Amino acid sequence: MDPRIQTCMENLESQEVTKDERFVTARHCLQSLWKIGLAGGPQKEMPLNGFAERFRNCAEEKNGTLIRFDIIQGLRKLYDRDQDETVRQKALELMETEADLKYRKKYASVWRK
């Protein structure tokens, strides 16, 4: 793999781009990460694993529910493009971990469309 692509993938795997000091910038990055998964293979694993880790770790952050919503939405977009059942399962597993019923319903609404 090209070293430049490898470096880019490592930076994306660390999810640092989704933790920018400017929330809007971080959110835009998060909302675009699902597109990497369209390449398949290891590029598909990266957003799935990264989204799951970010979902678990952002609960106590300011705007944590928005971050979680964007993650669920990104997984839905990835699923819509390739109909991979593992993507759907990952999203459902993450939604089940939400303790607040209000937000669990909000996340589930993304998958009812």
PDB file of N, CA and C in Angstrom:
ATOM      1  N   MET A   1       0.855  -1.184   0.000  1.00  0.00           N
ATOM      2  CA  MET A   1       0.000   0.000   0.000  1.00  0.00           C
ATOM      3  C   MET A   1       0.894   1.238   0.000  1.00  0.00           C
ATOM      4  N   ASP A   2       0.458   2.224  -0.715  1.00  0.00           N
ATOM      5  CA  ASP A   2       1.170   3.498  -0.786  1.00  0.00           C
ATOM      6  C   ASP A   2       1.340   4.051   0.635  1.00  0.00           C
ATOM      7  N   PRO A   3       2.567   4.482   0.996  1.00  0.00           N
ATOM      8  CA  PRO A   3       2.804   5.002   2.354  1.00  0.00           C
ATOM      9  C   PRO A   3       1.907   6.185   2.719  1.00  0.00           C
ATOM     10  N   ARG A   4       1.556   7.000   1.750  1.00  0.00           N
ATOM     11  CA  ARG A   4       0.675   8.137   2.036  1.00  0.00           C
ATOM     12  C   ARG A   4      -0.720   7.661   2.416  1.00  0.00           C
ATOM     13  N   ILE A   5      -1.193   6.648   1.709  1.00  0.00           N
ATOM     14  CA  ILE A   5      -2.512   6.097   2.020  1.00  0.00           C
ATOM     15  C   ILE A   5      -2.476   5.406   3.380  1.00  0.00           C
ATOM     16  N   GLN A   6      -1.375   4.690   3.642  1.00  0.00           N
ATOM     17  CA  GLN A   6      -1.223   4.010   4.926  1.00  0.00           C
ATOM     18  C   GLN A   6      -1.269   5.015   6.085  1.00  0.00           C
ATOM     19  N   THR A   7      -0.564   6.131   5.941  1.00  0.00           N
ATOM     20  CA  THR A   7      -0.550   7.166   6.973  1.00  0.00           C
ATOM     21  C   THR A   7      -1.948   7.746   7.163  1.00  0.00           C
ATOM     22  N   CYS A   8      -2.630   7.991   6.072  1.00  0.00           N
ATOM     23  CA  CYS A   8      -3.998   8.524   6.134  1.00  0.00           C
ATOM     24  C   CYS A   8      -4.904   7.545   6.861  1.00  0.00           C
ATOM     25  N   MET A   9      -4.806   6.263   6.529  1.00  0.00           N
ATOM     26  CA  MET A   9      -5.639   5.248   7.169  1.00  0.00           C
ATOM     27  C   MET A   9      -5.356   5.169   8.677  1.00  0.00           C
ATOM     28  N   GLU A  10      -4.080   5.276   9.052  1.00  0.00           N
ATOM     29  CA  GLU A  10      -3.727   5.233  10.473  1.00  0.00           C
ATOM     30  C   GLU A  10      -4.323   6.418  11.225  1.00  0.00           C
ATOM     31  N   ASN A  11      -4.285   7.591  10.597  1.00  0.00           N
ATOM     32  CA  ASN A  11      -4.879   8.779  11.227  1.00  0.00           C
ATOM     33  C   ASN A  11      -6.389   8.632  11.377  1.00  0.00           C
ATOM     34  N   LEU A  12      -7.020   8.069  10.376  1.00  0.00           N
ATOM     35  CA  LEU A  12      -8.461   7.876  10.452  1.00  0.00           C
ATOM     36  C   LEU A  12      -8.820   6.816  11.484  1.00  0.00           C
ATOM     37  N   GLU A  13      -8.012   5.757  11.570  1.00  0.00           N
ATOM     38  CA  GLU A  13      -8.266   4.709  12.560  1.00  0.00           C
ATOM     39  C   GLU A  13      -8.213   5.254  13.976  1.00  0.00           C
ATOM     40  N   SER A  14      -7.346   6.211  14.210  1.00  0.00           N
ATOM     41  CA  SER A  14      -7.226   6.766  15.558  1.00  0.00           C
ATOM     42  C   SER A  14      -8.429   7.638  15.922  1.00  0.00           C
ATOM     43  N   GLN A  15      -9.248   7.971  14.937  1.00  0.00           N
ATOM     44  CA  GLN A  15     -10.452   8.777  15.139  1.00  0.00           C
ATOM     45  C   GLN A  15     -10.146  10.203  15.611  1.00  0.00           C
ATOM     46  N   GLU A  16      -8.911  10.629  15.486  1.00  0.00           N
ATOM     47  CA  GLU A  16      -8.557  11.979  15.925  1.00  0.00           C
ATOM     48  C   GLU A  16      -9.300  13.044  15.129  1.00  0.00           C
ATOM     49  N   VAL A  17      -9.601  12.748  13.864  1.00  0.00           N
ATOM     50  CA  VAL A  17     -10.306  13.741  13.045  1.00  0.00           C
ATOM     51  C   VAL A  17     -11.711  14.005  13.563  1.00  0.00           C
ATOM     52  N   THR A  18     -12.243  13.080  14.360  1.00  0.00           N
ATOM     53  CA  THR A  18     -13.595  13.280  14.903  1.00  0.00           C
ATOM     54  C   THR A  18     -13.561  13.952  16.268  1.00  0.00           C
ATOM     55  N   LYS A  19     -12.376  14.396  16.682  1.00  0.00           N
ATOM     56  CA  LYS A  19     -12.231  15.039  17.991  1.00  0.00           C
ATOM     57  C   LYS A  19     -11.595  16.418  17.864  1.00  0.00           C
ATOM     58  N   ASP A  20     -11.839  17.063  16.754  1.00  0.00           N
ATOM     59  CA  ASP A  20     -11.300  18.399  16.527  1.00  0.00           C
ATOM     60  C   ASP A  20     -11.830  19.353  17.599  1.00  0.00           C
ATOM     61  N   GLU A  21     -11.033  20.374  17.930  1.00  0.00           N
ATOM     62  CA  GLU A  21     -11.469  21.330  18.952  1.00  0.00           C
ATOM     63  C   GLU A  21     -12.698  22.107  18.497  1.00  0.00           C
ATOM     64  N   ARG A  22     -12.880  22.240  17.210  1.00  0.00           N
ATOM     65  CA  ARG A  22     -14.094  22.875  16.682  1.00  0.00           C
ATOM     66  C   ARG A  22     -15.105  21.769  16.385  1.00  0.00           C
ATOM     67  N   PHE A  23     -16.176  21.754  17.120  1.00  0.00           N
ATOM     68  CA  PHE A  23     -17.150  20.669  17.008  1.00  0.00           C
ATOM     69  C   PHE A  23     -17.692  20.515  15.592  1.00  0.00           C
ATOM     70  N   VAL A  24     -17.953  21.621  14.915  1.00  0.00           N
ATOM     71  CA  VAL A  24     -18.518  21.555  13.565  1.00  0.00           C
ATOM     72  C   VAL A  24     -17.559  20.819  12.623  1.00  0.00           C
ATOM     73  N   THR A  25     -16.281  21.102  12.722  1.00  0.00           N
ATOM     74  CA  THR A  25     -15.280  20.433  11.889  1.00  0.00           C
ATOM     75  C   THR A  25     -15.241  18.941  12.199  1.00  0.00           C
ATOM     76  N   ALA A  26     -15.223  18.609  13.474  1.00  0.00           N
ATOM     77  CA  ALA A  26     -15.202  17.205  13.883  1.00  0.00           C
ATOM     78  C   ALA A  26     -16.449  16.476  13.390  1.00  0.00           C
ATOM     79  N   ARG A  27     -17.571  17.147  13.475  1.00  0.00           N
ATOM     80  CA  ARG A  27     -18.832  16.524  13.058  1.00  0.00           C
ATOM     81  C   ARG A  27     -18.860  16.292  11.553  1.00  0.00           C
ATOM     82  N   HIS A  28     -18.360  17.224  10.781  1.00  0.00           N
ATOM     83  CA  HIS A  28     -18.312  17.056   9.329  1.00  0.00           C
ATOM     84  C   HIS A  28     -17.426  15.869   8.957  1.00  0.00           C
ATOM     85  N   CYS A  29     -16.306  15.735   9.650  1.00  0.00           N
ATOM     86  CA  CYS A  29     -15.424  14.587   9.407  1.00  0.00           C
ATOM     87  C   CYS A  29     -16.146  13.290   9.740  1.00  0.00           C
ATOM     88  N   LEU A  30     -16.793  13.256  10.867  1.00  0.00           N
ATOM     89  CA  LEU A  30     -17.515  12.064  11.296  1.00  0.00           C
ATOM     90  C   LEU A  30     -18.602  11.691  10.290  1.00  0.00           C
ATOM     91  N   GLN A  31     -19.292  12.690   9.774  1.00  0.00           N
ATOM     92  CA  GLN A  31     -20.383  12.443   8.833  1.00  0.00           C
ATOM     93  C   GLN A  31     -19.882  11.940   7.474  1.00  0.00           C
ATOM     94  N   SER A  32     -18.601  12.086   7.204  1.00  0.00           N
ATOM     95  CA  SER A  32     -18.039  11.641   5.927  1.00  0.00           C
ATOM     96  C   SER A  32     -17.288  10.322   6.008  1.00  0.00           C
ATOM     97  N   LEU A  33     -16.962   9.870   7.188  1.00  0.00           N
ATOM     98  CA  LEU A  33     -16.130   8.675   7.338  1.00  0.00           C
ATOM     99  C   LEU A  33     -16.752   7.410   6.767  1.00  0.00           C
ATOM    100  N   TRP A  34     -18.050   7.297   6.733  1.00  0.00           N
ATOM    101  CA  TRP A  34     -18.695   6.090   6.223  1.00  0.00           C
ATOM    102  C   TRP A  34     -18.307   5.802   4.782  1.00  0.00           C
ATOM    103  N   LYS A  35     -17.985   6.845   4.024  1.00  0.00           N
ATOM    104  CA  LYS A  35     -17.652   6.684   2.604  1.00  0.00           C
ATOM    105  C   LYS A  35     -16.400   5.840   2.400  1.00  0.00           C
ATOM    106  N   ILE A  36     -15.513   5.841   3.362  1.00  0.00           N
ATOM    107  CA  ILE A  36     -14.303   5.024   3.270  1.00  0.00           C
ATOM    108  C   ILE A  36     -14.681   3.554   3.215  1.00  0.00           C
ATOM    109  N   GLY A  37     -15.721   3.176   3.926  1.00  0.00           N
ATOM    110  CA  GLY A  37     -16.156   1.787   3.945  1.00  0.00           C
ATOM    111  C   GLY A  37     -16.625   1.263   2.598  1.00  0.00           C
ATOM    112  N   LEU A  38     -16.962   2.142   1.677  1.00  0.00           N
ATOM    113  CA  LEU A  38     -17.412   1.708   0.359  1.00  0.00           C
ATOM    114  C   LEU A  38     -16.311   0.999  -0.423  1.00  0.00           C
ATOM    115  N   ALA A  39     -15.055   1.238  -0.045  1.00  0.00           N
ATOM    116  CA  ALA A  39     -13.935   0.605  -0.742  1.00  0.00           C
ATOM    117  C   ALA A  39     -13.848  -0.889  -0.427  1.00  0.00           C
ATOM    118  N   GLY A  40     -14.502  -1.332   0.655  1.00  0.00           N
ATOM    119  CA  GLY A  40     -14.496  -2.742   1.019  1.00  0.00           C
ATOM    120  C   GLY A  40     -13.222  -3.151   1.739  1.00  0.00           C
ATOM    121  N   GLY A  41     -13.149  -4.428   2.092  1.00  0.00           N
ATOM    122  CA  GLY A  41     -11.971  -4.982   2.749  1.00  0.00           C
ATOM    123  C   GLY A  41     -11.601  -4.256   4.023  1.00  0.00           C
ATOM    124  N   PRO A  42     -10.274  -4.037   4.211  1.00  0.00           N
ATOM    125  CA  PRO A  42      -9.830  -3.361   5.440  1.00  0.00           C
ATOM    126  C   PRO A  42     -10.377  -1.937   5.553  1.00  0.00           C
ATOM    127  N   GLN A  43     -10.651  -1.314   4.416  1.00  0.00           N
ATOM    128  CA  GLN A  43     -11.201   0.041   4.453  1.00  0.00           C
ATOM    129  C   GLN A  43     -12.623   0.025   5.004  1.00  0.00           C
ATOM    130  N   LYS A  44     -13.305  -1.096   4.899  1.00  0.00           N
ATOM    131  CA  LYS A  44     -14.648  -1.201   5.465  1.00  0.00           C
ATOM    132  C   LYS A  44     -14.572  -1.473   6.969  1.00  0.00           C
ATOM    133  N   GLU A  45     -13.587  -2.231   7.381  1.00  0.00           N
ATOM    134  CA  GLU A  45     -13.415  -2.538   8.801  1.00  0.00           C
ATOM    135  C   GLU A  45     -13.112  -1.280   9.615  1.00  0.00           C
ATOM    136  N   MET A  46     -12.320  -0.382   9.035  1.00  0.00           N
ATOM    137  CA  MET A  46     -11.887   0.816   9.757  1.00  0.00           C
ATOM    138  C   MET A  46     -13.061   1.662  10.240  1.00  0.00           C
ATOM    139  N   PRO A  47     -14.009   2.048   9.378  1.00  0.00           N
ATOM    140  CA  PRO A  47     -15.112   2.849   9.916  1.00  0.00           C
ATOM    141  C   PRO A  47     -16.013   2.052  10.858  1.00  0.00           C
ATOM    142  N   LEU A  48     -16.201   0.772  10.597  1.00  0.00           N
ATOM    143  CA  LEU A  48     -17.045  -0.029  11.492  1.00  0.00           C
ATOM    144  C   LEU A  48     -16.457  -0.086  12.898  1.00  0.00           C
ATOM    145  N   ASN A  49     -15.189  -0.423  12.980  1.00  0.00           N
ATOM    146  CA  ASN A  49     -14.534  -0.506  14.288  1.00  0.00           C
ATOM    147  C   ASN A  49     -14.385   0.870  14.925  1.00  0.00           C
ATOM    148  N   GLY A  50     -14.030   1.850  14.110  1.00  0.00           N
ATOM    149  CA  GLY A  50     -13.862   3.211  14.614  1.00  0.00           C
ATOM    150  C   GLY A  50     -15.168   3.801  15.115  1.00  0.00           C
ATOM    151  N   PHE A  51     -16.243   3.578  14.351  1.00  0.00           N
ATOM    152  CA  PHE A  51     -17.553   4.070  14.779  1.00  0.00           C
ATOM    153  C   PHE A  51     -17.957   3.431  16.102  1.00  0.00           C
ATOM    154  N   ALA A  52     -17.742   2.134  16.221  1.00  0.00           N
ATOM    155  CA  ALA A  52     -18.133   1.434  17.457  1.00  0.00           C
ATOM    156  C   ALA A  52     -17.359   1.980  18.654  1.00  0.00           C
ATOM    157  N   GLU A  53     -16.063   2.163  18.475  1.00  0.00           N
ATOM    158  CA  GLU A  53     -15.246   2.696  19.569  1.00  0.00           C
ATOM    159  C   GLU A  53     -15.665   4.115  19.937  1.00  0.00           C
ATOM    160  N   ARG A  54     -15.877   4.939  18.919  1.00  0.00           N
ATOM    161  CA  ARG A  54     -16.271   6.334  19.158  1.00  0.00           C
ATOM    162  C   ARG A  54     -17.640   6.402  19.837  1.00  0.00           C
ATOM    163  N   PHE A  55     -18.563   5.536  19.409  1.00  0.00           N
ATOM    164  CA  PHE A  55     -19.897   5.501  19.999  1.00  0.00           C
ATOM    165  C   PHE A  55     -19.803   5.195  21.493  1.00  0.00           C
ATOM    166  N   ARG A  56     -18.987   4.213  21.840  1.00  0.00           N
ATOM    167  CA  ARG A  56     -18.842   3.831  23.244  1.00  0.00           C
ATOM    168  C   ARG A  56     -18.165   4.918  24.077  1.00  0.00           C
ATOM    169  N   ASN A  57     -17.219   5.636  23.487  1.00  0.00           N
ATOM    170  CA  ASN A  57     -16.404   6.580  24.250  1.00  0.00           C
ATOM    171  C   ASN A  57     -16.933   8.013  24.302  1.00  0.00           C
ATOM    172  N   CYS A  58     -17.944   8.335  23.532  1.00  0.00           N
ATOM    173  CA  CYS A  58     -18.377   9.736  23.465  1.00  0.00           C
ATOM    174  C   CYS A  58     -19.548  10.061  24.383  1.00  0.00           C
ATOM    175  N   ALA A  59     -20.046   9.098  25.099  1.00  0.00           N
ATOM    176  CA  ALA A  59     -21.261   9.297  25.895  1.00  0.00           C
ATOM    177  C   ALA A  59     -21.159  10.475  26.853  1.00  0.00           C
ATOM    178  N   GLU A  60     -20.005  10.670  27.448  1.00  0.00           N
ATOM    179  CA  GLU A  60     -19.850  11.722  28.455  1.00  0.00           C
ATOM    180  C   GLU A  60     -19.369  13.047  27.866  1.00  0.00           C
ATOM    181  N   GLU A  61     -19.115  13.082  26.578  1.00  0.00           N
ATOM    182  CA  GLU A  61     -18.645  14.323  25.947  1.00  0.00           C
ATOM    183  C   GLU A  61     -19.799  15.290  25.738  1.00  0.00           C
ATOM    184  N   LYS A  62     -19.443  16.553  25.615  1.00  0.00           N
ATOM    185  CA  LYS A  62     -20.430  17.548  25.224  1.00  0.00           C
ATOM    186  C   LYS A  62     -20.889  17.149  23.809  1.00  0.00           C
ATOM    187  N   ASN A  63     -22.158  17.205  23.543  1.00  0.00           N
ATOM    188  CA  ASN A  63     -22.737  16.828  22.254  1.00  0.00           C
ATOM    189  C   ASN A  63     -22.592  15.338  21.939  1.00  0.00           C
ATOM    190  N   GLY A  64     -22.444  14.529  22.959  1.00  0.00           N
ATOM    191  CA  GLY A  64     -22.287  13.086  22.765  1.00  0.00           C
ATOM    192  C   GLY A  64     -23.442  12.455  22.013  1.00  0.00           C
ATOM    193  N   THR A  65     -24.664  12.924  22.251  1.00  0.00           N
ATOM    194  CA  THR A  65     -25.806  12.335  21.562  1.00  0.00           C
ATOM    195  C   THR A  65     -25.806  12.693  20.075  1.00  0.00           C
ATOM    196  N   LEU A  66     -25.324  13.878  19.730  1.00  0.00           N
ATOM    197  CA  LEU A  66     -25.205  14.238  18.310  1.00  0.00           C
ATOM    198  C   LEU A  66     -24.156  13.383  17.621  1.00  0.00           C
ATOM    199  N   ILE A  67     -23.049  13.147  18.305  1.00  0.00           N
ATOM    200  CA  ILE A  67     -21.992  12.298  17.759  1.00  0.00           C
ATOM    201  C   ILE A  67     -22.543  10.896  17.528  1.00  0.00           C
ATOM    202  N   ARG A  68     -23.256  10.372  18.506  1.00  0.00           N
ATOM    203  CA  ARG A  68     -23.833   9.033  18.379  1.00  0.00           C
ATOM    204  C   ARG A  68     -24.845   8.978  17.236  1.00  0.00           C
ATOM    205  N   PHE A  69     -25.648  10.014  17.097  1.00  0.00           N
ATOM    206  CA  PHE A  69     -26.618  10.048  16.004  1.00  0.00           C
ATOM    207  C   PHE A  69     -25.902  10.029  14.658  1.00  0.00           C
ATOM    208  N   ASP A  70     -24.845  10.809  14.525  1.00  0.00           N
ATOM    209  CA  ASP A  70     -24.085  10.840  13.268  1.00  0.00           C
ATOM    210  C   ASP A  70     -23.472   9.478  12.956  1.00  0.00           C
ATOM    211  N   ILE A  71     -23.018   8.773  13.982  1.00  0.00           N
ATOM    212  CA  ILE A  71     -22.446   7.445  13.784  1.00  0.00           C
ATOM    213  C   ILE A  71     -23.509   6.480  13.266  1.00  0.00           C
ATOM    214  N   ILE A  72     -24.665   6.475  13.892  1.00  0.00           N
ATOM    215  CA  ILE A  72     -25.757   5.590  13.463  1.00  0.00           C
ATOM    216  C   ILE A  72     -26.181   5.940  12.039  1.00  0.00           C
ATOM    217  N   GLN A  73     -26.231   7.225  11.747  1.00  0.00           N
ATOM    218  CA  GLN A  73     -26.606   7.675  10.407  1.00  0.00           C
ATOM    219  C   GLN A  73     -25.554   7.241   9.374  1.00  0.00           C
ATOM    220  N   GLY A  74     -24.285   7.348   9.731  1.00  0.00           N
ATOM    221  CA  GLY A  74     -23.214   6.909   8.833  1.00  0.00           C
ATOM    222  C   GLY A  74     -23.285   5.420   8.551  1.00  0.00           C
ATOM    223  N   LEU A  75     -23.585   4.639   9.572  1.00  0.00           N
ATOM    224  CA  LEU A  75     -23.734   3.197   9.382  1.00  0.00           C
ATOM    225  C   LEU A  75     -24.918   2.890   8.475  1.00  0.00           C
ATOM    226  N   ARG A  76     -25.988   3.655   8.628  1.00  0.00           N
ATOM    227  CA  ARG A  76     -27.156   3.452   7.759  1.00  0.00           C
ATOM    228  C   ARG A  76     -26.810   3.755   6.300  1.00  0.00           C
ATOM    229  N   LYS A  77     -26.084   4.841   6.075  1.00  0.00           N
ATOM    230  CA  LYS A  77     -25.698   5.196   4.709  1.00  0.00           C
ATOM    231  C   LYS A  77     -24.807   4.124   4.094  1.00  0.00           C
ATOM    232  N   LEU A  78     -23.892   3.601   4.876  1.00  0.00           N
ATOM    233  CA  LEU A  78     -23.020   2.526   4.398  1.00  0.00           C
ATOM    234  C   LEU A  78     -23.850   1.281   4.075  1.00  0.00           C
ATOM    235  N   TYR A  79     -24.779   0.958   4.938  1.00  0.00           N
ATOM    236  CA  TYR A  79     -25.648  -0.200   4.704  1.00  0.00           C
ATOM    237  C   TYR A  79     -26.493  -0.002   3.440  1.00  0.00           C
ATOM    238  N   ASP A  80     -27.041   1.171   3.251  1.00  0.00           N
ATOM    239  CA  ASP A  80     -27.874   1.446   2.079  1.00  0.00           C
ATOM    240  C   ASP A  80     -27.108   1.249   0.779  1.00  0.00           C
ATOM    241  N   ARG A  81     -25.814   1.532   0.807  1.00  0.00           N
ATOM    242  CA  ARG A  81     -25.012   1.420  -0.409  1.00  0.00           C
ATOM    243  C   ARG A  81     -24.602  -0.014  -0.738  1.00  0.00           C
ATOM    244  N   ASP A  82     -24.349  -0.841   0.289  1.00  0.00           N
ATOM    245  CA  ASP A  82     -23.861  -2.192  -0.035  1.00  0.00           C
ATOM    246  C   ASP A  82     -24.663  -3.340   0.585  1.00  0.00           C
ATOM    247  N   GLN A  83     -25.699  -3.014   1.368  1.00  0.00           N
ATOM    248  CA  GLN A  83     -26.592  -4.021   1.947  1.00  0.00           C
ATOM    249  C   GLN A  83     -25.857  -5.123   2.721  1.00  0.00           C
ATOM    250  N   ASP A  84     -24.759  -4.765   3.372  1.00  0.00           N
ATOM    251  CA  ASP A  84     -23.994  -5.715   4.177  1.00  0.00           C
ATOM    252  C   ASP A  84     -24.653  -5.861   5.541  1.00  0.00           C
ATOM    253  N   GLU A  85     -25.089  -7.054   5.858  1.00  0.00           N
ATOM    254  CA  GLU A  85     -25.823  -7.304   7.093  1.00  0.00           C
ATOM    255  C   GLU A  85     -24.964  -7.057   8.337  1.00  0.00           C
ATOM    256  N   THR A  86     -23.642  -7.179   8.230  1.00  0.00           N
ATOM    257  CA  THR A  86     -22.784  -6.927   9.399  1.00  0.00           C
ATOM    258  C   THR A  86     -22.840  -5.459   9.804  1.00  0.00           C
ATOM    259  N   VAL A  87     -23.019  -4.579   8.849  1.00  0.00           N
ATOM    260  CA  VAL A  87     -23.142  -3.143   9.141  1.00  0.00           C
ATOM    261  C   VAL A  87     -24.434  -2.899   9.920  1.00  0.00           C
ATOM    262  N   ARG A  88     -25.499  -3.505   9.469  1.00  0.00           N
ATOM    263  CA  ARG A  88     -26.793  -3.356  10.149  1.00  0.00           C
ATOM    264  C   ARG A  88     -26.711  -3.900  11.577  1.00  0.00           C
ATOM    265  N   GLN A  89     -26.118  -5.057  11.728  1.00  0.00           N
ATOM    266  CA  GLN A  89     -25.982  -5.674  13.048  1.00  0.00           C
ATOM    267  C   GLN A  89     -25.173  -4.791  13.993  1.00  0.00           C
ATOM    268  N   LYS A  90     -24.093  -4.213  13.484  1.00  0.00           N
ATOM    269  CA  LYS A  90     -23.248  -3.337  14.303  1.00  0.00           C
ATOM    270  C   LYS A  90     -24.062  -2.145  14.789  1.00  0.00           C
ATOM    271  N   ALA A  91     -24.847  -1.549  13.895  1.00  0.00           N
ATOM    272  CA  ALA A  91     -25.678  -0.398  14.272  1.00  0.00           C
ATOM    273  C   ALA A  91     -26.698  -0.793  15.340  1.00  0.00           C
ATOM    274  N   LEU A  92     -27.341  -1.926  15.161  1.00  0.00           N
ATOM    275  CA  LEU A  92     -28.343  -2.371  16.133  1.00  0.00           C
ATOM    276  C   LEU A  92     -27.699  -2.654  17.489  1.00  0.00           C
ATOM    277  N   GLU A  93     -26.524  -3.254  17.479  1.00  0.00           N
ATOM    278  CA  GLU A  93     -25.804  -3.514  18.730  1.00  0.00           C
ATOM    279  C   GLU A  93     -25.478  -2.207  19.450  1.00  0.00           C
ATOM    280  N   LEU A  94     -25.012  -1.218  18.701  1.00  0.00           N
ATOM    281  CA  LEU A  94     -24.667   0.068  19.305  1.00  0.00           C
ATOM    282  C   LEU A  94     -25.905   0.758  19.876  1.00  0.00           C
ATOM    283  N   MET A  95     -26.991   0.714  19.133  1.00  0.00           N
ATOM    284  CA  MET A  95     -28.218   1.359  19.609  1.00  0.00           C
ATOM    285  C   MET A  95     -28.705   0.722  20.906  1.00  0.00           C
ATOM    286  N   GLU A  96     -28.536  -0.569  21.040  1.00  0.00           N
ATOM    287  CA  GLU A  96     -28.973  -1.270  22.250  1.00  0.00           C
ATOM    288  C   GLU A  96     -28.184  -0.842  23.482  1.00  0.00           C
ATOM    289  N   THR A  97     -27.006  -0.309  23.286  1.00  0.00           N
ATOM    290  CA  THR A  97     -26.189   0.104  24.427  1.00  0.00           C
ATOM    291  C   THR A  97     -26.610   1.463  24.990  1.00  0.00           C
ATOM    292  N   GLU A  98     -27.451   2.185  24.256  1.00  0.00           N
ATOM    293  CA  GLU A  98     -27.923   3.496  24.723  1.00  0.00           C
ATOM    294  C   GLU A  98     -28.884   3.311  25.887  1.00  0.00           C
ATOM    295  N   ALA A  99     -28.540   3.885  27.021  1.00  0.00           N
ATOM    296  CA  ALA A  99     -29.350   3.726  28.231  1.00  0.00           C
ATOM    297  C   ALA A  99     -30.632   4.557  28.196  1.00  0.00           C
ATOM    298  N   ASP A 100     -30.577   5.729  27.580  1.00  0.00           N
ATOM    299  CA  ASP A 100     -31.724   6.632  27.555  1.00  0.00           C
ATOM    300  C   ASP A 100     -32.680   6.235  26.429  1.00  0.00           C
ATOM    301  N   LEU A 101     -33.875   5.834  26.792  1.00  0.00           N
ATOM    302  CA  LEU A 101     -34.870   5.364  25.829  1.00  0.00           C
ATOM    303  C   LEU A 101     -35.186   6.420  24.770  1.00  0.00           C
ATOM    304  N   LYS A 102     -35.208   7.677  25.173  1.00  0.00           N
ATOM    305  CA  LYS A 102     -35.488   8.777  24.240  1.00  0.00           C
ATOM    306  C   LYS A 102     -34.488   8.771  23.083  1.00  0.00           C
ATOM    307  N   TYR A 103     -33.221   8.644  23.411  1.00  0.00           N
ATOM    308  CA  TYR A 103     -32.193   8.662  22.367  1.00  0.00           C
ATOM    309  C   TYR A 103     -32.146   7.337  21.615  1.00  0.00           C
ATOM    310  N   ARG A 104     -32.442   6.245  22.283  1.00  0.00           N
ATOM    311  CA  ARG A 104     -32.481   4.955  21.590  1.00  0.00           C
ATOM    312  C   ARG A 104     -33.539   5.002  20.491  1.00  0.00           C
ATOM    313  N   LYS A 105     -34.689   5.618  20.796  1.00  0.00           N
ATOM    314  CA  LYS A 105     -35.751   5.760  19.797  1.00  0.00           C
ATOM    315  C   LYS A 105     -35.319   6.674  18.656  1.00  0.00           C
ATOM    316  N   LYS A 106     -34.614   7.736  19.010  1.00  0.00           N
ATOM    317  CA  LYS A 106     -34.135   8.659  17.984  1.00  0.00           C
ATOM    318  C   LYS A 106     -33.179   7.951  17.032  1.00  0.00           C
ATOM    319  N   TYR A 107     -32.258   7.163  17.575  1.00  0.00           N
ATOM    320  CA  TYR A 107     -31.297   6.429  16.737  1.00  0.00           C
ATOM    321  C   TYR A 107     -32.016   5.390  15.889  1.00  0.00           C
ATOM    322  N   ALA A 108     -33.009   4.722  16.474  1.00  0.00           N
ATOM    323  CA  ALA A 108     -33.759   3.703  15.741  1.00  0.00           C
ATOM    324  C   ALA A 108     -34.538   4.304  14.579  1.00  0.00           C
ATOM    325  N   SER A 109     -34.929   5.575  14.710  1.00  0.00           N
ATOM    326  CA  SER A 109     -35.695   6.213  13.630  1.00  0.00           C
ATOM    327  C   SER A 109     -34.900   6.271  12.327  1.00  0.00           C
ATOM    328  N   VAL A 110     -33.601   6.303  12.437  1.00  0.00           N
ATOM    329  CA  VAL A 110     -32.738   6.331  11.243  1.00  0.00           C
ATOM    330  C   VAL A 110     -32.894   5.020  10.459  1.00  0.00           C
ATOM    331  N   TRP A 111     -33.150   3.937  11.164  1.00  0.00           N
ATOM    332  CA  TRP A 111     -33.231   2.619  10.523  1.00  0.00           C
ATOM    333  C   TRP A 111     -34.643   2.248  10.098  1.00  0.00           C
ATOM    334  N   ARG A 112     -35.629   3.040  10.432  1.00  0.00           N
ATOM    335  CA  ARG A 112     -37.005   2.754  10.016  1.00  0.00           C
ATOM    336  C   ARG A 112     -37.307   3.287   8.622  1.00  0.00           C
ATOM    337  N   LYS A 113     -36.448   4.109   8.110  1.00  0.00           N
ATOM    338  CA  LYS A 113     -36.704   4.735   6.802  1.00  0.00           C
ATOM    339  C   LYS A 113     -36.744   3.725   5.695  1.00  0.00           C
TER     340      LYS A 113
END
